[in-house]
Amino acid sequence: MAIARALMQQPELIFADEPTASLDPRAGVEIMELLQRLSRDTGVGVLLVSHDMEHTRRYSDRILGLRDQRLQLDARSRDCSIAELKAFF
């Protein structure tokens, strides 16, 4: 429902802070696929905050990492391994 409410405002960017945190795995995948389709089909940017490295890598184009209040990681998702991401975060 929150996604539908956000889309009614015709945003240029959706900020999704842990969008699957309270969901079962199946619903989590559905939400991530929905956000990915929305971004690709409508051009709406999605900024995703997640501690789920699998979702982060699978559903994003880029991964940004902050450390000490500075951008320390900016890479294409496909170029990052789960092991590298876990080591960074």
N, C-alpha and C. Protein backbone atom coordinates (compact mmCIF):
# COMPACT_ATOMS: atom_id res chain seq x y z
N MET A 1 0.81 -1.17 0.00
CA MET A 1 0.00 0.00 0.00
C MET A 1 0.87 1.26 0.00
N ALA A 2 1.97 1.21 0.72
CA ALA A 2 2.85 2.38 0.79
C ALA A 2 3.43 2.71 -0.58
N ILE A 3 3.71 1.70 -1.38
CA ILE A 3 4.25 1.94 -2.72
C ILE A 3 3.19 2.61 -3.59
N ALA A 4 1.96 2.13 -3.53
CA ALA A 4 0.88 2.73 -4.30
C ALA A 4 0.66 4.18 -3.89
N ARG A 5 0.70 4.44 -2.58
CA ARG A 5 0.53 5.81 -2.09
C ARG A 5 1.63 6.72 -2.61
N ALA A 6 2.86 6.21 -2.60
CA ALA A 6 3.99 7.00 -3.10
C ALA A 6 3.84 7.29 -4.59
N LEU A 7 3.40 6.32 -5.36
CA LEU A 7 3.27 6.50 -6.80
C LEU A 7 2.19 7.51 -7.18
N MET A 8 1.18 7.66 -6.33
CA MET A 8 0.11 8.63 -6.59
C MET A 8 0.66 10.05 -6.63
N GLN A 9 1.80 10.28 -6.01
CA GLN A 9 2.40 11.61 -5.98
C GLN A 9 3.36 11.85 -7.15
N GLN A 10 3.46 10.87 -8.04
CA GLN A 10 4.32 10.94 -9.22
C GLN A 10 5.75 11.35 -8.86
N PRO A 11 6.41 10.58 -8.02
CA PRO A 11 7.76 10.95 -7.58
C PRO A 11 8.80 10.69 -8.66
N GLU A 12 9.91 11.36 -8.55
CA GLU A 12 11.06 11.08 -9.40
C GLU A 12 11.96 10.06 -8.72
N LEU A 13 11.82 9.96 -7.39
CA LEU A 13 12.65 9.06 -6.59
C LEU A 13 11.83 8.47 -5.46
N ILE A 14 11.97 7.16 -5.26
CA ILE A 14 11.35 6.48 -4.12
C ILE A 14 12.48 6.04 -3.20
N PHE A 15 12.37 6.41 -1.95
CA PHE A 15 13.35 6.00 -0.94
C PHE A 15 12.76 4.79 -0.22
N ALA A 16 13.38 3.64 -0.37
CA ALA A 16 12.89 2.40 0.21
C ALA A 16 13.87 1.93 1.29
N ASP A 17 13.53 2.20 2.53
CA ASP A 17 14.38 1.85 3.67
C ASP A 17 13.96 0.49 4.21
N GLU A 18 14.78 -0.52 3.93
CA GLU A 18 14.51 -1.90 4.36
C GLU A 18 13.08 -2.33 3.99
N PRO A 19 12.73 -2.28 2.70
CA PRO A 19 11.35 -2.55 2.31
C PRO A 19 10.87 -3.98 2.54
N THR A 20 11.78 -4.91 2.79
CA THR A 20 11.37 -6.30 2.98
C THR A 20 11.61 -6.79 4.40
N ALA A 21 11.97 -5.89 5.31
CA ALA A 21 12.38 -6.29 6.66
C ALA A 21 11.31 -7.08 7.42
N SER A 22 10.05 -6.76 7.27
CA SER A 22 9.00 -7.42 8.04
C SER A 22 8.22 -8.44 7.22
N LEU A 23 8.73 -8.79 6.07
CA LEU A 23 8.00 -9.68 5.17
C LEU A 23 8.58 -11.09 5.15
N ASP A 24 7.72 -12.05 4.80
CA ASP A 24 8.22 -13.41 4.60
C ASP A 24 9.03 -13.42 3.30
N PRO A 25 9.87 -14.42 3.09
CA PRO A 25 10.76 -14.42 1.92
C PRO A 25 10.04 -14.27 0.58
N ARG A 26 8.91 -14.92 0.42
CA ARG A 26 8.19 -14.84 -0.86
C ARG A 26 7.68 -13.42 -1.11
N ALA A 27 7.06 -12.82 -0.11
CA ALA A 27 6.57 -11.45 -0.25
C ALA A 27 7.74 -10.49 -0.47
N GLY A 28 8.87 -10.74 0.18
CA GLY A 28 10.06 -9.91 0.00
C GLY A 28 10.53 -9.90 -1.44
N VAL A 29 10.55 -11.06 -2.05
CA VAL A 29 10.95 -11.15 -3.46
C VAL A 29 9.95 -10.40 -4.34
N GLU A 30 8.66 -10.55 -4.05
CA GLU A 30 7.65 -9.86 -4.84
C GLU A 30 7.81 -8.34 -4.76
N ILE A 31 8.08 -7.82 -3.57
CA ILE A 31 8.26 -6.38 -3.40
C ILE A 31 9.51 -5.91 -4.13
N MET A 32 10.59 -6.65 -4.02
CA MET A 32 11.83 -6.26 -4.70
C MET A 32 11.64 -6.27 -6.21
N GLU A 33 10.95 -7.29 -6.73
CA GLU A 33 10.70 -7.35 -8.17
C GLU A 33 9.79 -6.20 -8.61
N LEU A 34 8.81 -5.84 -7.78
CA LEU A 34 7.94 -4.71 -8.09
C LEU A 34 8.73 -3.41 -8.15
N LEU A 35 9.58 -3.17 -7.17
CA LEU A 35 10.38 -1.95 -7.18
C LEU A 35 11.31 -1.90 -8.39
N GLN A 36 11.89 -3.03 -8.73
CA GLN A 36 12.78 -3.09 -9.89
C GLN A 36 12.01 -2.81 -11.18
N ARG A 37 10.83 -3.40 -11.34
CA ARG A 37 10.00 -3.15 -12.53
C ARG A 37 9.57 -1.70 -12.61
N LEU A 38 9.15 -1.14 -11.47
CA LEU A 38 8.74 0.27 -11.46
C LEU A 38 9.86 1.17 -11.95
N SER A 39 11.04 0.92 -11.47
CA SER A 39 12.18 1.74 -11.86
C SER A 39 12.46 1.61 -13.36
N ARG A 40 12.48 0.39 -13.84
CA ARG A 40 12.81 0.18 -15.25
C ARG A 40 11.71 0.62 -16.19
N ASP A 41 10.45 0.40 -15.80
CA ASP A 41 9.32 0.70 -16.69
C ASP A 41 8.91 2.17 -16.67
N THR A 42 9.11 2.85 -15.56
CA THR A 42 8.62 4.23 -15.44
C THR A 42 9.74 5.26 -15.34
N GLY A 43 10.95 4.81 -15.07
CA GLY A 43 12.06 5.74 -14.91
C GLY A 43 12.17 6.34 -13.52
N VAL A 44 11.28 5.95 -12.62
CA VAL A 44 11.35 6.43 -11.24
C VAL A 44 12.60 5.82 -10.60
N GLY A 45 13.42 6.66 -10.00
CA GLY A 45 14.59 6.16 -9.31
C GLY A 45 14.19 5.52 -7.99
N VAL A 46 14.89 4.47 -7.62
CA VAL A 46 14.65 3.82 -6.33
C VAL A 46 15.97 3.78 -5.58
N LEU A 47 15.98 4.41 -4.43
CA LEU A 47 17.13 4.36 -3.54
C LEU A 47 16.78 3.37 -2.44
N LEU A 48 17.48 2.27 -2.42
CA LEU A 48 17.17 1.16 -1.52
C LEU A 48 18.22 1.08 -0.43
N VAL A 49 17.76 1.03 0.80
CA VAL A 49 18.64 0.77 1.93
C VAL A 49 18.33 -0.64 2.40
N SER A 50 19.35 -1.49 2.45
CA SER A 50 19.10 -2.87 2.82
C SER A 50 20.35 -3.49 3.44
N HIS A 51 20.12 -4.39 4.38
CA HIS A 51 21.21 -5.17 4.94
C HIS A 51 21.21 -6.57 4.34
N ASP A 52 20.31 -6.82 3.40
CA ASP A 52 20.22 -8.11 2.72
C ASP A 52 21.11 -8.04 1.48
N MET A 53 22.31 -8.59 1.58
CA MET A 53 23.27 -8.50 0.49
C MET A 53 22.79 -9.20 -0.77
N GLU A 54 22.06 -10.30 -0.63
CA GLU A 54 21.53 -11.01 -1.80
C GLU A 54 20.57 -10.10 -2.57
N HIS A 55 19.63 -9.49 -1.85
CA HIS A 55 18.68 -8.57 -2.51
C HIS A 55 19.41 -7.39 -3.11
N THR A 56 20.34 -6.84 -2.36
CA THR A 56 21.08 -5.67 -2.83
C THR A 56 21.74 -5.96 -4.17
N ARG A 57 22.40 -7.06 -4.25
CA ARG A 57 23.13 -7.41 -5.47
C ARG A 57 22.18 -7.79 -6.61
N ARG A 58 21.15 -8.53 -6.29
CA ARG A 58 20.24 -9.04 -7.32
C ARG A 58 19.34 -7.97 -7.93
N TYR A 59 18.89 -7.02 -7.13
CA TYR A 59 17.87 -6.08 -7.60
C TYR A 59 18.36 -4.65 -7.84
N SER A 60 19.64 -4.42 -7.72
CA SER A 60 20.12 -3.05 -7.92
C SER A 60 21.07 -2.98 -9.11
N ASP A 61 21.25 -1.77 -9.61
CA ASP A 61 22.21 -1.52 -10.68
C ASP A 61 23.57 -1.12 -10.10
N ARG A 62 23.51 -0.34 -9.00
CA ARG A 62 24.73 0.16 -8.35
C ARG A 62 24.62 -0.05 -6.86
N ILE A 63 25.76 -0.19 -6.23
CA ILE A 63 25.83 -0.30 -4.78
C ILE A 63 26.72 0.81 -4.26
N LEU A 64 26.17 1.57 -3.33
CA LEU A 64 26.92 2.64 -2.68
C LEU A 64 27.13 2.25 -1.23
N GLY A 65 28.31 2.53 -0.72
CA GLY A 65 28.60 2.24 0.67
C GLY A 65 29.20 3.44 1.37
N LEU A 66 28.66 3.76 2.53
CA LEU A 66 29.16 4.87 3.33
C LEU A 66 29.96 4.33 4.51
N ARG A 67 31.04 5.02 4.80
CA ARG A 67 31.84 4.71 5.98
C ARG A 67 32.42 6.03 6.45
N ASP A 68 32.34 6.28 7.75
CA ASP A 68 32.85 7.54 8.32
C ASP A 68 32.26 8.75 7.61
N GLN A 69 30.97 8.68 7.32
CA GLN A 69 30.21 9.76 6.70
C GLN A 69 30.72 10.13 5.30
N ARG A 70 31.39 9.20 4.66
CA ARG A 70 31.89 9.44 3.29
C ARG A 70 31.56 8.25 2.40
N LEU A 71 31.38 8.56 1.13
CA LEU A 71 31.14 7.51 0.15
C LEU A 71 32.45 6.75 -0.07
N GLN A 72 32.46 5.49 0.30
CA GLN A 72 33.66 4.68 0.18
C GLN A 72 33.53 3.57 -0.88
N LEU A 73 32.30 3.31 -1.30
CA LEU A 73 32.04 2.27 -2.29
C LEU A 73 31.01 2.79 -3.28
N ASP A 74 31.35 2.69 -4.56
CA ASP A 74 30.43 3.04 -5.64
C ASP A 74 30.77 2.10 -6.79
N ALA A 75 29.97 1.03 -6.92
CA ALA A 75 30.30 0.00 -7.90
C ALA A 75 29.03 -0.55 -8.54
N ARG A 76 29.19 -1.09 -9.75
CA ARG A 76 28.08 -1.80 -10.37
C ARG A 76 27.80 -3.06 -9.55
N SER A 77 26.54 -3.35 -9.36
CA SER A 77 26.15 -4.49 -8.54
C SER A 77 26.76 -5.80 -9.03
N ARG A 78 26.78 -5.96 -10.33
CA ARG A 78 27.29 -7.23 -10.88
C ARG A 78 28.79 -7.39 -10.66
N ASP A 79 29.47 -6.29 -10.34
CA ASP A 79 30.91 -6.36 -10.09
C ASP A 79 31.25 -6.67 -8.63
N CYS A 80 30.24 -6.73 -7.77
CA CYS A 80 30.46 -6.97 -6.35
C CYS A 80 30.06 -8.39 -5.97
N SER A 81 30.93 -9.07 -5.26
CA SER A 81 30.56 -10.40 -4.77
C SER A 81 29.93 -10.25 -3.39
N ILE A 82 29.17 -11.24 -3.00
CA ILE A 82 28.55 -11.23 -1.67
C ILE A 82 29.64 -11.16 -0.61
N ALA A 83 30.73 -11.86 -0.80
CA ALA A 83 31.82 -11.86 0.18
C ALA A 83 32.42 -10.45 0.31
N GLU A 84 32.61 -9.77 -0.80
CA GLU A 84 33.14 -8.40 -0.76
C GLU A 84 32.19 -7.45 -0.04
N LEU A 85 30.90 -7.61 -0.31
CA LEU A 85 29.92 -6.74 0.33
C LEU A 85 29.86 -7.00 1.83
N LYS A 86 29.88 -8.25 2.22
CA LYS A 86 29.85 -8.57 3.65
C LYS A 86 31.10 -8.05 4.34
N ALA A 87 32.22 -8.09 3.68
CA ALA A 87 33.47 -7.58 4.26
C ALA A 87 33.41 -6.07 4.42
N PHE A 88 32.81 -5.39 3.45
CA PHE A 88 32.72 -3.93 3.53
C PHE A 88 31.74 -3.49 4.59
N PHE A 89 30.56 -4.12 4.58
CA PHE A 89 29.50 -3.70 5.49
C PHE A 89 29.59 -4.44 6.81
